[in-house]
Amino acid sequence: MIKRHCFALDLKPDAELIAEYEKYHTEVWPEVLENLSAAGIEQLEIYRVENRLFMIMEVNDSFSFDKKKKLDDNNDKVQQWETLMWTYQQALPSALPGQKWVPMGKIFQY
């Protein structure tokens, strides 16, 4: 059974940095993509309006946030990717210290 998670995050409000961030996401490192699959992520999409990002993540039954964190923590290339992405990203005001993507709550479905 596929389950969907949605998250928000901001980019630094700088057009040049935003363009660089988008370019990286046209050429995501293979190790990062492999890690997503290994975690049980079936599909992942990121949308942007101005400097706000919205991520939709569809996961299978093998996915857990703990499993994803362990895989991320033990993958040097993923750690390098995440460090690089912080160059462009900034936490939402409501984010916990060190938190990137903030889970969004569903308020409507049709």
PDB file of N, CA and C in Angstrom:
ATOM      1  N   MET A   1       0.853  -1.186   0.000  1.00  0.00           N
ATOM      2  CA  MET A   1       0.000   0.000   0.000  1.00  0.00           C
ATOM      3  C   MET A   1       0.899   1.250   0.000  1.00  0.00           C
ATOM      4  N   ILE A   2       0.591   2.165  -0.863  1.00  0.00           N
ATOM      5  CA  ILE A   2       1.356   3.402  -0.960  1.00  0.00           C
ATOM      6  C   ILE A   2       0.782   4.432   0.016  1.00  0.00           C
ATOM      7  N   LYS A   3       1.673   5.100   0.714  1.00  0.00           N
ATOM      8  CA  LYS A   3       1.293   6.168   1.639  1.00  0.00           C
ATOM      9  C   LYS A   3       1.991   7.443   1.196  1.00  0.00           C
ATOM     10  N   ARG A   4       1.334   8.569   1.363  1.00  0.00           N
ATOM     11  CA  ARG A   4       1.880   9.857   0.938  1.00  0.00           C
ATOM     12  C   ARG A   4       2.214  10.722   2.146  1.00  0.00           C
ATOM     13  N   HIS A   5       3.386  11.371   2.057  1.00  0.00           N
ATOM     14  CA  HIS A   5       3.822  12.355   3.050  1.00  0.00           C
ATOM     15  C   HIS A   5       4.117  13.653   2.304  1.00  0.00           C
ATOM     16  N   CYS A   6       3.761  14.775   2.902  1.00  0.00           N
ATOM     17  CA  CYS A   6       4.013  16.083   2.291  1.00  0.00           C
ATOM     18  C   CYS A   6       4.785  16.962   3.270  1.00  0.00           C
ATOM     19  N   PHE A   7       5.718  17.726   2.713  1.00  0.00           N
ATOM     20  CA  PHE A   7       6.617  18.541   3.525  1.00  0.00           C
ATOM     21  C   PHE A   7       6.823  19.909   2.883  1.00  0.00           C
ATOM     22  N   ALA A   8       7.221  20.875   3.694  1.00  0.00           N
ATOM     23  CA  ALA A   8       7.555  22.215   3.205  1.00  0.00           C
ATOM     24  C   ALA A   8       8.939  22.604   3.710  1.00  0.00           C
ATOM     25  N   LEU A   9       9.584  23.455   2.943  1.00  0.00           N
ATOM     26  CA  LEU A   9      10.905  23.981   3.261  1.00  0.00           C
ATOM     27  C   LEU A   9      11.090  25.240   2.438  1.00  0.00           C
ATOM     28  N   ASP A  10      11.895  26.155   2.904  1.00  0.00           N
ATOM     29  CA  ASP A  10      12.183  27.374   2.151  1.00  0.00           C
ATOM     30  C   ASP A  10      13.585  27.326   1.567  1.00  0.00           C
ATOM     31  N   LEU A  11      13.747  28.041   0.469  1.00  0.00           N
ATOM     32  CA  LEU A  11      15.067  28.321  -0.080  1.00  0.00           C
ATOM     33  C   LEU A  11      15.444  29.731   0.331  1.00  0.00           C
ATOM     34  N   LYS A  12      16.728  30.009   0.340  1.00  0.00           N
ATOM     35  CA  LYS A  12      17.157  31.387   0.579  1.00  0.00           C
ATOM     36  C   LYS A  12      16.617  32.239  -0.563  1.00  0.00           C
ATOM     37  N   PRO A  13      16.078  33.408  -0.253  1.00  0.00           N
ATOM     38  CA  PRO A  13      15.422  34.225  -1.290  1.00  0.00           C
ATOM     39  C   PRO A  13      16.437  34.948  -2.186  1.00  0.00           C
ATOM     40  N   ASP A  14      17.138  34.178  -2.992  1.00  0.00           N
ATOM     41  CA  ASP A  14      18.165  34.693  -3.882  1.00  0.00           C
ATOM     42  C   ASP A  14      18.007  33.969  -5.219  1.00  0.00           C
ATOM     43  N   ALA A  15      17.678  34.706  -6.271  1.00  0.00           N
ATOM     44  CA  ALA A  15      17.369  34.111  -7.576  1.00  0.00           C
ATOM     45  C   ALA A  15      18.504  33.234  -8.100  1.00  0.00           C
ATOM     46  N   GLU A  16      19.737  33.654  -7.918  1.00  0.00           N
ATOM     47  CA  GLU A  16      20.873  32.867  -8.400  1.00  0.00           C
ATOM     48  C   GLU A  16      20.992  31.546  -7.646  1.00  0.00           C
ATOM     49  N   LEU A  17      20.836  31.594  -6.323  1.00  0.00           N
ATOM     50  CA  LEU A  17      20.893  30.364  -5.522  1.00  0.00           C
ATOM     51  C   LEU A  17      19.739  29.429  -5.871  1.00  0.00           C
ATOM     52  N   ILE A  18      18.557  29.993  -6.090  1.00  0.00           N
ATOM     53  CA  ILE A  18      17.401  29.169  -6.443  1.00  0.00           C
ATOM     54  C   ILE A  18      17.646  28.475  -7.777  1.00  0.00           C
ATOM     55  N   ALA A  19      18.204  29.186  -8.746  1.00  0.00           N
ATOM     56  CA  ALA A  19      18.511  28.588 -10.054  1.00  0.00           C
ATOM     57  C   ALA A  19      19.526  27.454  -9.903  1.00  0.00           C
ATOM     58  N   GLU A  20      20.548  27.641  -9.070  1.00  0.00           N
ATOM     59  CA  GLU A  20      21.541  26.594  -8.826  1.00  0.00           C
ATOM     60  C   GLU A  20      20.880  25.373  -8.182  1.00  0.00           C
ATOM     61  N   TYR A  21      20.018  25.614  -7.200  1.00  0.00           N
ATOM     62  CA  TYR A  21      19.318  24.532  -6.514  1.00  0.00           C
ATOM     63  C   TYR A  21      18.501  23.713  -7.513  1.00  0.00           C
ATOM     64  N   GLU A  22      17.778  24.411  -8.384  1.00  0.00           N
ATOM     65  CA  GLU A  22      16.971  23.704  -9.381  1.00  0.00           C
ATOM     66  C   GLU A  22      17.849  22.910 -10.339  1.00  0.00           C
ATOM     67  N   LYS A  23      18.999  23.452 -10.714  1.00  0.00           N
ATOM     68  CA  LYS A  23      19.908  22.732 -11.603  1.00  0.00           C
ATOM     69  C   LYS A  23      20.379  21.432 -10.950  1.00  0.00           C
ATOM     70  N   TYR A  24      20.736  21.483  -9.671  1.00  0.00           N
ATOM     71  CA  TYR A  24      21.130  20.261  -8.981  1.00  0.00           C
ATOM     72  C   TYR A  24      20.029  19.209  -9.036  1.00  0.00           C
ATOM     73  N   HIS A  25      18.784  19.653  -9.025  1.00  0.00           N
ATOM     74  CA  HIS A  25      17.679  18.700  -9.019  1.00  0.00           C
ATOM     75  C   HIS A  25      17.315  18.191 -10.413  1.00  0.00           C
ATOM     76  N   THR A  26      18.012  18.661 -11.433  1.00  0.00           N
ATOM     77  CA  THR A  26      17.898  18.038 -12.754  1.00  0.00           C
ATOM     78  C   THR A  26      18.981  16.983 -12.936  1.00  0.00           C
ATOM     79  N   GLU A  27      19.935  16.957 -12.011  1.00  0.00           N
ATOM     80  CA  GLU A  27      21.072  16.029 -12.069  1.00  0.00           C
ATOM     81  C   GLU A  27      21.369  15.476 -10.677  1.00  0.00           C
ATOM     82  N   VAL A  28      20.352  14.931 -10.025  1.00  0.00           N
ATOM     83  CA  VAL A  28      20.530  14.409  -8.658  1.00  0.00           C
ATOM     84  C   VAL A  28      21.537  13.260  -8.697  1.00  0.00           C
ATOM     85  N   TRP A  29      22.433  13.261  -7.741  1.00  0.00           N
ATOM     86  CA  TRP A  29      23.472  12.245  -7.678  1.00  0.00           C
ATOM     87  C   TRP A  29      22.856  10.846  -7.593  1.00  0.00           C
ATOM     88  N   PRO A  30      23.397   9.883  -8.333  1.00  0.00           N
ATOM     89  CA  PRO A  30      22.828   8.524  -8.335  1.00  0.00           C
ATOM     90  C   PRO A  30      22.773   7.886  -6.944  1.00  0.00           C
ATOM     91  N   GLU A  31      23.750   8.154  -6.110  1.00  0.00           N
ATOM     92  CA  GLU A  31      23.765   7.576  -4.757  1.00  0.00           C
ATOM     93  C   GLU A  31      22.590   8.080  -3.927  1.00  0.00           C
ATOM     94  N   VAL A  32      22.190   9.320  -4.169  1.00  0.00           N
ATOM     95  CA  VAL A  32      21.039   9.892  -3.458  1.00  0.00           C
ATOM     96  C   VAL A  32      19.764   9.195  -3.916  1.00  0.00           C
ATOM     97  N   LEU A  33      19.621   9.000  -5.224  1.00  0.00           N
ATOM     98  CA  LEU A  33      18.438   8.327  -5.759  1.00  0.00           C
ATOM     99  C   LEU A  33      18.370   6.871  -5.296  1.00  0.00           C
ATOM    100  N   GLU A  34      19.508   6.204  -5.283  1.00  0.00           N
ATOM    101  CA  GLU A  34      19.553   4.812  -4.807  1.00  0.00           C
ATOM    102  C   GLU A  34      19.143   4.732  -3.345  1.00  0.00           C
ATOM    103  N   ASN A  35      19.554   5.705  -2.548  1.00  0.00           N
ATOM    104  CA  ASN A  35      19.215   5.738  -1.132  1.00  0.00           C
ATOM    105  C   ASN A  35      17.710   5.935  -0.928  1.00  0.00           C
ATOM    106  N   LEU A  36      17.110   6.771  -1.771  1.00  0.00           N
ATOM    107  CA  LEU A  36      15.659   6.967  -1.693  1.00  0.00           C
ATOM    108  C   LEU A  36      14.929   5.654  -1.944  1.00  0.00           C
ATOM    109  N   SER A  37      15.341   4.942  -2.988  1.00  0.00           N
ATOM    110  CA  SER A  37      14.707   3.654  -3.302  1.00  0.00           C
ATOM    111  C   SER A  37      14.901   2.650  -2.174  1.00  0.00           C
ATOM    112  N   ALA A  38      16.114   2.583  -1.640  1.00  0.00           N
ATOM    113  CA  ALA A  38      16.406   1.636  -0.560  1.00  0.00           C
ATOM    114  C   ALA A  38      15.557   1.916   0.679  1.00  0.00           C
ATOM    115  N   ALA A  39      15.182   3.169   0.871  1.00  0.00           N
ATOM    116  CA  ALA A  39      14.369   3.542   2.033  1.00  0.00           C
ATOM    117  C   ALA A  39      12.898   3.180   1.855  1.00  0.00           C
ATOM    118  N   GLY A  40      12.499   2.810   0.635  1.00  0.00           N
ATOM    119  CA  GLY A  40      11.100   2.481   0.384  1.00  0.00           C
ATOM    120  C   GLY A  40      10.315   3.629  -0.227  1.00  0.00           C
ATOM    121  N   ILE A  41      11.017   4.627  -0.742  1.00  0.00           N
ATOM    122  CA  ILE A  41      10.347   5.751  -1.392  1.00  0.00           C
ATOM    123  C   ILE A  41      10.097   5.375  -2.846  1.00  0.00           C
ATOM    124  N   GLU A  42       8.833   5.355  -3.224  1.00  0.00           N
ATOM    125  CA  GLU A  42       8.429   4.963  -4.566  1.00  0.00           C
ATOM    126  C   GLU A  42       8.470   6.144  -5.537  1.00  0.00           C
ATOM    127  N   GLN A  43       8.086   7.299  -5.041  1.00  0.00           N
ATOM    128  CA  GLN A  43       8.064   8.499  -5.880  1.00  0.00           C
ATOM    129  C   GLN A  43       8.262   9.711  -4.985  1.00  0.00           C
ATOM    130  N   LEU A  44       9.009  10.692  -5.510  1.00  0.00           N
ATOM    131  CA  LEU A  44       9.254  11.914  -4.762  1.00  0.00           C
ATOM    132  C   LEU A  44       9.220  13.075  -5.748  1.00  0.00           C
ATOM    133  N   GLU A  45       8.421  14.075  -5.439  1.00  0.00           N
ATOM    134  CA  GLU A  45       8.320  15.267  -6.274  1.00  0.00           C
ATOM    135  C   GLU A  45       8.523  16.495  -5.406  1.00  0.00           C
ATOM    136  N   ILE A  46       9.207  17.502  -5.961  1.00  0.00           N
ATOM    137  CA  ILE A  46       9.386  18.782  -5.274  1.00  0.00           C
ATOM    138  C   ILE A  46       8.840  19.872  -6.179  1.00  0.00           C
ATOM    139  N   TYR A  47       8.004  20.732  -5.618  1.00  0.00           N
ATOM    140  CA  TYR A  47       7.432  21.884  -6.328  1.00  0.00           C
ATOM    141  C   TYR A  47       7.925  23.148  -5.641  1.00  0.00           C
ATOM    142  N   ARG A  48       7.957  24.236  -6.413  1.00  0.00           N
ATOM    143  CA  ARG A  48       8.427  25.508  -5.862  1.00  0.00           C
ATOM    144  C   ARG A  48       7.495  26.635  -6.281  1.00  0.00           C
ATOM    145  N   VAL A  49       7.231  27.542  -5.351  1.00  0.00           N
ATOM    146  CA  VAL A  49       6.624  28.833  -5.637  1.00  0.00           C
ATOM    147  C   VAL A  49       7.475  29.853  -4.880  1.00  0.00           C
ATOM    148  N   GLU A  50       7.991  30.820  -5.620  1.00  0.00           N
ATOM    149  CA  GLU A  50       8.932  31.785  -5.052  1.00  0.00           C
ATOM    150  C   GLU A  50      10.056  31.016  -4.358  1.00  0.00           C
ATOM    151  N   ASN A  51      10.255  31.205  -3.066  1.00  0.00           N
ATOM    152  CA  ASN A  51      11.316  30.444  -2.398  1.00  0.00           C
ATOM    153  C   ASN A  51      10.762  29.329  -1.498  1.00  0.00           C
ATOM    154  N   ARG A  52       9.481  29.032  -1.605  1.00  0.00           N
ATOM    155  CA  ARG A  52       8.862  27.958  -0.810  1.00  0.00           C
ATOM    156  C   ARG A  52       8.851  26.664  -1.613  1.00  0.00           C
ATOM    157  N   LEU A  53       9.320  25.590  -0.988  1.00  0.00           N
ATOM    158  CA  LEU A  53       9.309  24.267  -1.588  1.00  0.00           C
ATOM    159  C   LEU A  53       8.223  23.415  -0.945  1.00  0.00           C
ATOM    160  N   PHE A  54       7.646  22.548  -1.765  1.00  0.00           N
ATOM    161  CA  PHE A  54       6.640  21.598  -1.312  1.00  0.00           C
ATOM    162  C   PHE A  54       7.043  20.238  -1.861  1.00  0.00           C
ATOM    163  N   MET A  55       7.224  19.250  -0.986  1.00  0.00           N
ATOM    164  CA  MET A  55       7.642  17.915  -1.407  1.00  0.00           C
ATOM    165  C   MET A  55       6.530  16.911  -1.138  1.00  0.00           C
ATOM    166  N   ILE A  56       6.265  16.091  -2.151  1.00  0.00           N
ATOM    167  CA  ILE A  56       5.324  14.980  -2.022  1.00  0.00           C
ATOM    168  C   ILE A  56       6.142  13.700  -2.122  1.00  0.00           C
ATOM    169  N   MET A  57       6.020  12.864  -1.120  1.00  0.00           N
ATOM    170  CA  MET A  57       6.786  11.622  -1.067  1.00  0.00           C
ATOM    171  C   MET A  57       5.807  10.462  -0.917  1.00  0.00           C
ATOM    172  N   GLU A  58       5.825   9.553  -1.882  1.00  0.00           N
ATOM    173  CA  GLU A  58       4.988   8.363  -1.807  1.00  0.00           C
ATOM    174  C   GLU A  58       5.875   7.176  -1.454  1.00  0.00           C
ATOM    175  N   VAL A  59       5.484   6.450  -0.413  1.00  0.00           N
ATOM    176  CA  VAL A  59       6.321   5.389   0.139  1.00  0.00           C
ATOM    177  C   VAL A  59       5.569   4.068   0.185  1.00  0.00           C
ATOM    178  N   ASN A  60       6.333   2.971   0.165  1.00  0.00           N
ATOM    179  CA  ASN A  60       5.714   1.650   0.285  1.00  0.00           C
ATOM    180  C   ASN A  60       5.734   1.194   1.748  1.00  0.00           C
ATOM    181  N   ASP A  61       5.264  -0.024   1.976  1.00  0.00           N
ATOM    182  CA  ASP A  61       5.136  -0.544   3.347  1.00  0.00           C
ATOM    183  C   ASP A  61       6.473  -0.739   4.055  1.00  0.00           C
ATOM    184  N   SER A  62       7.574  -0.802   3.293  1.00  0.00           N
ATOM    185  CA  SER A  62       8.881  -1.005   3.935  1.00  0.00           C
ATOM    186  C   SER A  62       9.463   0.298   4.480  1.00  0.00           C
ATOM    187  N   PHE A  63       8.853   1.432   4.151  1.00  0.00           N
ATOM    188  CA  PHE A  63       9.385   2.738   4.565  1.00  0.00           C
ATOM    189  C   PHE A  63       9.105   3.030   6.035  1.00  0.00           C
ATOM    190  N   SER A  64      10.112   3.623   6.686  1.00  0.00           N
ATOM    191  CA  SER A  64       9.913   4.265   7.987  1.00  0.00           C
ATOM    192  C   SER A  64      10.898   5.428   8.049  1.00  0.00           C
ATOM    193  N   PHE A  65      10.562   6.439   8.819  1.00  0.00           N
ATOM    194  CA  PHE A  65      11.458   7.579   8.957  1.00  0.00           C
ATOM    195  C   PHE A  65      12.753   7.173   9.653  1.00  0.00           C
ATOM    196  N   ASP A  66      12.673   6.225  10.589  1.00  0.00           N
ATOM    197  CA  ASP A  66      13.887   5.727  11.249  1.00  0.00           C
ATOM    198  C   ASP A  66      14.802   5.025  10.247  1.00  0.00           C
ATOM    199  N   LYS A  67      14.217   4.186   9.394  1.00  0.00           N
ATOM    200  CA  LYS A  67      14.997   3.488   8.373  1.00  0.00           C
ATOM    201  C   LYS A  67      15.663   4.497   7.438  1.00  0.00           C
ATOM    202  N   LYS A  68      14.914   5.497   7.009  1.00  0.00           N
ATOM    203  CA  LYS A  68      15.463   6.522   6.106  1.00  0.00           C
ATOM    204  C   LYS A  68      16.625   7.253   6.773  1.00  0.00           C
ATOM    205  N   LYS A  69      16.459   7.626   8.031  1.00  0.00           N
ATOM    206  CA  LYS A  69      17.519   8.338   8.752  1.00  0.00           C
ATOM    207  C   LYS A  69      18.778   7.480   8.864  1.00  0.00           C
ATOM    208  N   LYS A  70      18.617   6.199   9.195  1.00  0.00           N
ATOM    209  CA  LYS A  70      19.781   5.311   9.312  1.00  0.00           C
ATOM    210  C   LYS A  70      20.502   5.181   7.975  1.00  0.00           C
ATOM    211  N   LEU A  71      19.746   5.012   6.895  1.00  0.00           N
ATOM    212  CA  LEU A  71      20.361   4.926   5.573  1.00  0.00           C
ATOM    213  C   LEU A  71      21.095   6.222   5.235  1.00  0.00           C
ATOM    214  N   ASP A  72      20.453   7.354   5.509  1.00  0.00           N
ATOM    215  CA  ASP A  72      21.080   8.659   5.242  1.00  0.00           C
ATOM    216  C   ASP A  72      22.363   8.830   6.049  1.00  0.00           C
ATOM    217  N   ASP A  73      22.288   8.517   7.328  1.00  0.00           N
ATOM    218  CA  ASP A  73      23.430   8.715   8.231  1.00  0.00           C
ATOM    219  C   ASP A  73      24.632   7.849   7.849  1.00  0.00           C
ATOM    220  N   ASN A  74      24.377   6.722   7.202  1.00  0.00           N
ATOM    221  CA  ASN A  74      25.452   5.795   6.852  1.00  0.00           C
ATOM    222  C   ASN A  74      25.891   5.889   5.393  1.00  0.00           C
ATOM    223  N   ASN A  75      25.481   6.943   4.717  1.00  0.00           N
ATOM    224  CA  ASN A  75      25.833   7.113   3.312  1.00  0.00           C
ATOM    225  C   ASN A  75      26.571   8.449   3.154  1.00  0.00           C
ATOM    226  N   ASP A  76      27.871   8.374   2.917  1.00  0.00           N
ATOM    227  CA  ASP A  76      28.685   9.591   2.812  1.00  0.00           C
ATOM    228  C   ASP A  76      28.213  10.522   1.704  1.00  0.00           C
ATOM    229  N   LYS A  77      27.804   9.962   0.557  1.00  0.00           N
ATOM    230  CA  LYS A  77      27.356  10.807  -0.556  1.00  0.00           C
ATOM    231  C   LYS A  77      26.055  11.528  -0.208  1.00  0.00           C
ATOM    232  N   VAL A  78      25.162  10.868   0.498  1.00  0.00           N
ATOM    233  CA  VAL A  78      23.920  11.514   0.933  1.00  0.00           C
ATOM    234  C   VAL A  78      24.253  12.635   1.912  1.00  0.00           C
ATOM    235  N   GLN A  79      25.193  12.390   2.809  1.00  0.00           N
ATOM    236  CA  GLN A  79      25.594  13.440   3.752  1.00  0.00           C
ATOM    237  C   GLN A  79      26.206  14.631   3.024  1.00  0.00           C
ATOM    238  N   GLN A  80      27.017  14.374   2.005  1.00  0.00           N
ATOM    239  CA  GLN A  80      27.586  15.458   1.204  1.00  0.00           C
ATOM    240  C   GLN A  80      26.487  16.231   0.476  1.00  0.00           C
ATOM    241  N   TRP A  81      25.518  15.506  -0.072  1.00  0.00           N
ATOM    242  CA  TRP A  81      24.382  16.132  -0.762  1.00  0.00           C
ATOM    243  C   TRP A  81      23.608  17.025   0.196  1.00  0.00           C
ATOM    244  N   GLU A  82      23.294  16.513   1.375  1.00  0.00           N
ATOM    245  CA  GLU A  82      22.512  17.284   2.346  1.00  0.00           C
ATOM    246  C   GLU A  82      23.260  18.534   2.794  1.00  0.00           C
ATOM    247  N   THR A  83      24.564  18.417   2.998  1.00  0.00           N
ATOM    248  CA  THR A  83      25.375  19.585   3.363  1.00  0.00           C
ATOM    249  C   THR A  83      25.352  20.616   2.239  1.00  0.00           C
ATOM    250  N   LEU A  84      25.505  20.151   1.007  1.00  0.00           N
ATOM    251  CA  LEU A  84      25.453  21.047  -0.151  1.00  0.00           C
ATOM    252  C   LEU A  84      24.087  21.727  -0.259  1.00  0.00           C
ATOM    253  N   MET A  85      23.012  20.981  -0.050  1.00  0.00           N
ATOM    254  CA  MET A  85      21.666  21.550  -0.183  1.00  0.00           C
ATOM    255  C   MET A  85      21.408  22.638   0.859  1.00  0.00           C
ATOM    256  N   TRP A  86      22.026  22.526   2.053  1.00  0.00           N
ATOM    257  CA  TRP A  86      21.861  23.564   3.082  1.00  0.00           C
ATOM    258  C   TRP A  86      22.427  24.902   2.601  1.00  0.00           C
ATOM    259  N   THR A  87      23.281  24.884   1.586  1.00  0.00           N
ATOM    260  CA  THR A  87      23.783  26.124   0.992  1.00  0.00           C
ATOM    261  C   THR A  87      22.628  26.949   0.437  1.00  0.00           C
ATOM    262  N   TYR A  88      21.603  26.267  -0.018  1.00  0.00           N
ATOM    263  CA  TYR A  88      20.468  26.895  -0.696  1.00  0.00           C
ATOM    264  C   TYR A  88      19.217  26.976   0.166  1.00  0.00           C
ATOM    265  N   GLN A  89      19.110  26.100   1.140  1.00  0.00           N
ATOM    266  CA  GLN A  89      17.887  25.972   1.930  1.00  0.00           C
ATOM    267  C   GLN A  89      17.961  26.793   3.208  1.00  0.00           C
ATOM    268  N   GLN A  90      16.776  27.147   3.691  1.00  0.00           N
ATOM    269  CA  GLN A  90      16.670  27.741   5.026  1.00  0.00           C
ATOM    270  C   GLN A  90      15.431  27.160   5.687  1.00  0.00           C
ATOM    271  N   ALA A  91      15.558  26.910   6.955  1.00  0.00           N
ATOM    272  CA  ALA A  91      14.472  26.280   7.698  1.00  0.00           C
ATOM    273  C   ALA A  91      13.259  27.206   7.803  1.00  0.00           C
ATOM    274  N   LEU A  92      12.092  26.585   7.853  1.00  0.00           N
ATOM    275  CA  LEU A  92      10.882  27.356   8.139  1.00  0.00           C
ATOM    276  C   LEU A  92      10.973  27.908   9.559  1.00  0.00           C
ATOM    277  N   PRO A  93      10.309  29.023   9.827  1.00  0.00           N
ATOM    278  CA  PRO A  93      10.359  29.588  11.184  1.00  0.00           C
ATOM    279  C   PRO A  93       9.909  28.605  12.270  1.00  0.00           C
ATOM    280  N   SER A  94       9.002  27.687  11.928  1.00  0.00           N
ATOM    281  CA  SER A  94       8.487  26.732  12.917  1.00  0.00           C
ATOM    282  C   SER A  94       9.325  25.469  13.032  1.00  0.00           C
ATOM    283  N   ALA A  95      10.386  25.335  12.239  1.00  0.00           N
ATOM    284  CA  ALA A  95      11.214  24.124  12.247  1.00  0.00           C
ATOM    285  C   ALA A  95      11.981  23.986  13.564  1.00  0.00           C
ATOM    286  N   LEU A  96      12.197  22.749  13.952  1.00  0.00           N
ATOM    287  CA  LEU A  96      13.018  22.455  15.111  1.00  0.00           C
ATOM    288  C   LEU A  96      14.480  22.680  14.735  1.00  0.00           C
ATOM    289  N   PRO A  97      15.363  22.890  15.702  1.00  0.00           N
ATOM    290  CA  PRO A  97      16.786  23.075  15.376  1.00  0.00           C
ATOM    291  C   PRO A  97      17.310  21.920  14.525  1.00  0.00           C
ATOM    292  N   GLY A  98      17.930  22.247  13.393  1.00  0.00           N
ATOM    293  CA  GLY A  98      18.481  21.246  12.486  1.00  0.00           C
ATOM    294  C   GLY A  98      17.474  20.598  11.558  1.00  0.00           C
ATOM    295  N   GLN A  99      16.197  20.899  11.716  1.00  0.00           N
ATOM    296  CA  GLN A  99      15.157  20.282  10.884  1.00  0.00           C
ATOM    297  C   GLN A  99      15.085  20.984   9.538  1.00  0.00           C
ATOM    298  N   LYS A 100      15.054  20.194   8.482  1.00  0.00           N
ATOM    299  CA  LYS A 100      14.890  20.744   7.138  1.00  0.00           C
ATOM    300  C   LYS A 100      13.413  20.733   6.768  1.00  0.00           C
ATOM    301  N   TRP A 101      12.990  19.629   6.206  1.00  0.00           N
ATOM    302  CA  TRP A 101      11.622  19.499   5.712  1.00  0.00           C
ATOM    303  C   TRP A 101      10.650  19.356   6.878  1.00  0.00           C
ATOM    304  N   VAL A 102       9.634  20.207   6.906  1.00  0.00           N
ATOM    305  CA  VAL A 102       8.631  20.186   7.971  1.00  0.00           C
ATOM    306  C   VAL A 102       7.381  19.477   7.443  1.00  0.00           C
ATOM    307  N   PRO A 103       6.899  18.448   8.153  1.00  0.00           N
ATOM    308  CA  PRO A 103       5.705  17.746   7.705  1.00  0.00           C
ATOM    309  C   PRO A 103       4.495  18.684   7.638  1.00  0.00           C
ATOM    310  N   MET A 104       3.709  18.490   6.603  1.00  0.00           N
ATOM    311  CA  MET A 104       2.494  19.287   6.429  1.00  0.00           C
ATOM    312  C   MET A 104       1.297  18.410   6.785  1.00  0.00           C
ATOM    313  N   GLY A 105       0.263  19.022   7.344  1.00  0.00           N
ATOM    314  CA  GLY A 105      -0.962  18.310   7.658  1.00  0.00           C
ATOM    315  C   GLY A 105      -2.000  18.522   6.565  1.00  0.00           C
ATOM    316  N   LYS A 106      -2.675  17.444   6.198  1.00  0.00           N
ATOM    317  CA  LYS A 106      -3.723  17.534   5.179  1.00  0.00           C
ATOM    318  C   LYS A 106      -4.937  18.229   5.783  1.00  0.00           C
ATOM    319  N   ILE A 107      -5.475  19.206   5.062  1.00  0.00           N
ATOM    320  CA  ILE A 107      -6.669  19.895   5.545  1.00  0.00           C
ATOM    321  C   ILE A 107      -7.866  19.729   4.608  1.00  0.00           C
ATOM    322  N   PHE A 108      -7.644  19.149   3.402  1.00  0.00           N
ATOM    323  CA  PHE A 108      -8.745  18.976   2.461  1.00  0.00           C
ATOM    324  C   PHE A 108      -8.405  17.891   1.462  1.00  0.00           C
ATOM    325  N   GLN A 109      -9.417  17.127   1.073  1.00  0.00           N
ATOM    326  CA  GLN A 109      -9.266  16.125   0.021  1.00  0.00           C
ATOM    327  C   GLN A 109     -10.569  16.029  -0.733  1.00  0.00           C
ATOM    328  N   TYR A 110     -10.501  15.891  -2.027  1.00  0.00           N
ATOM    329  CA  TYR A 110     -11.687  15.744  -2.873  1.00  0.00           C
ATOM    330  C   TYR A 110     -11.575  14.474  -3.665  1.00  0.00           C
TER     331      TYR A 110
END
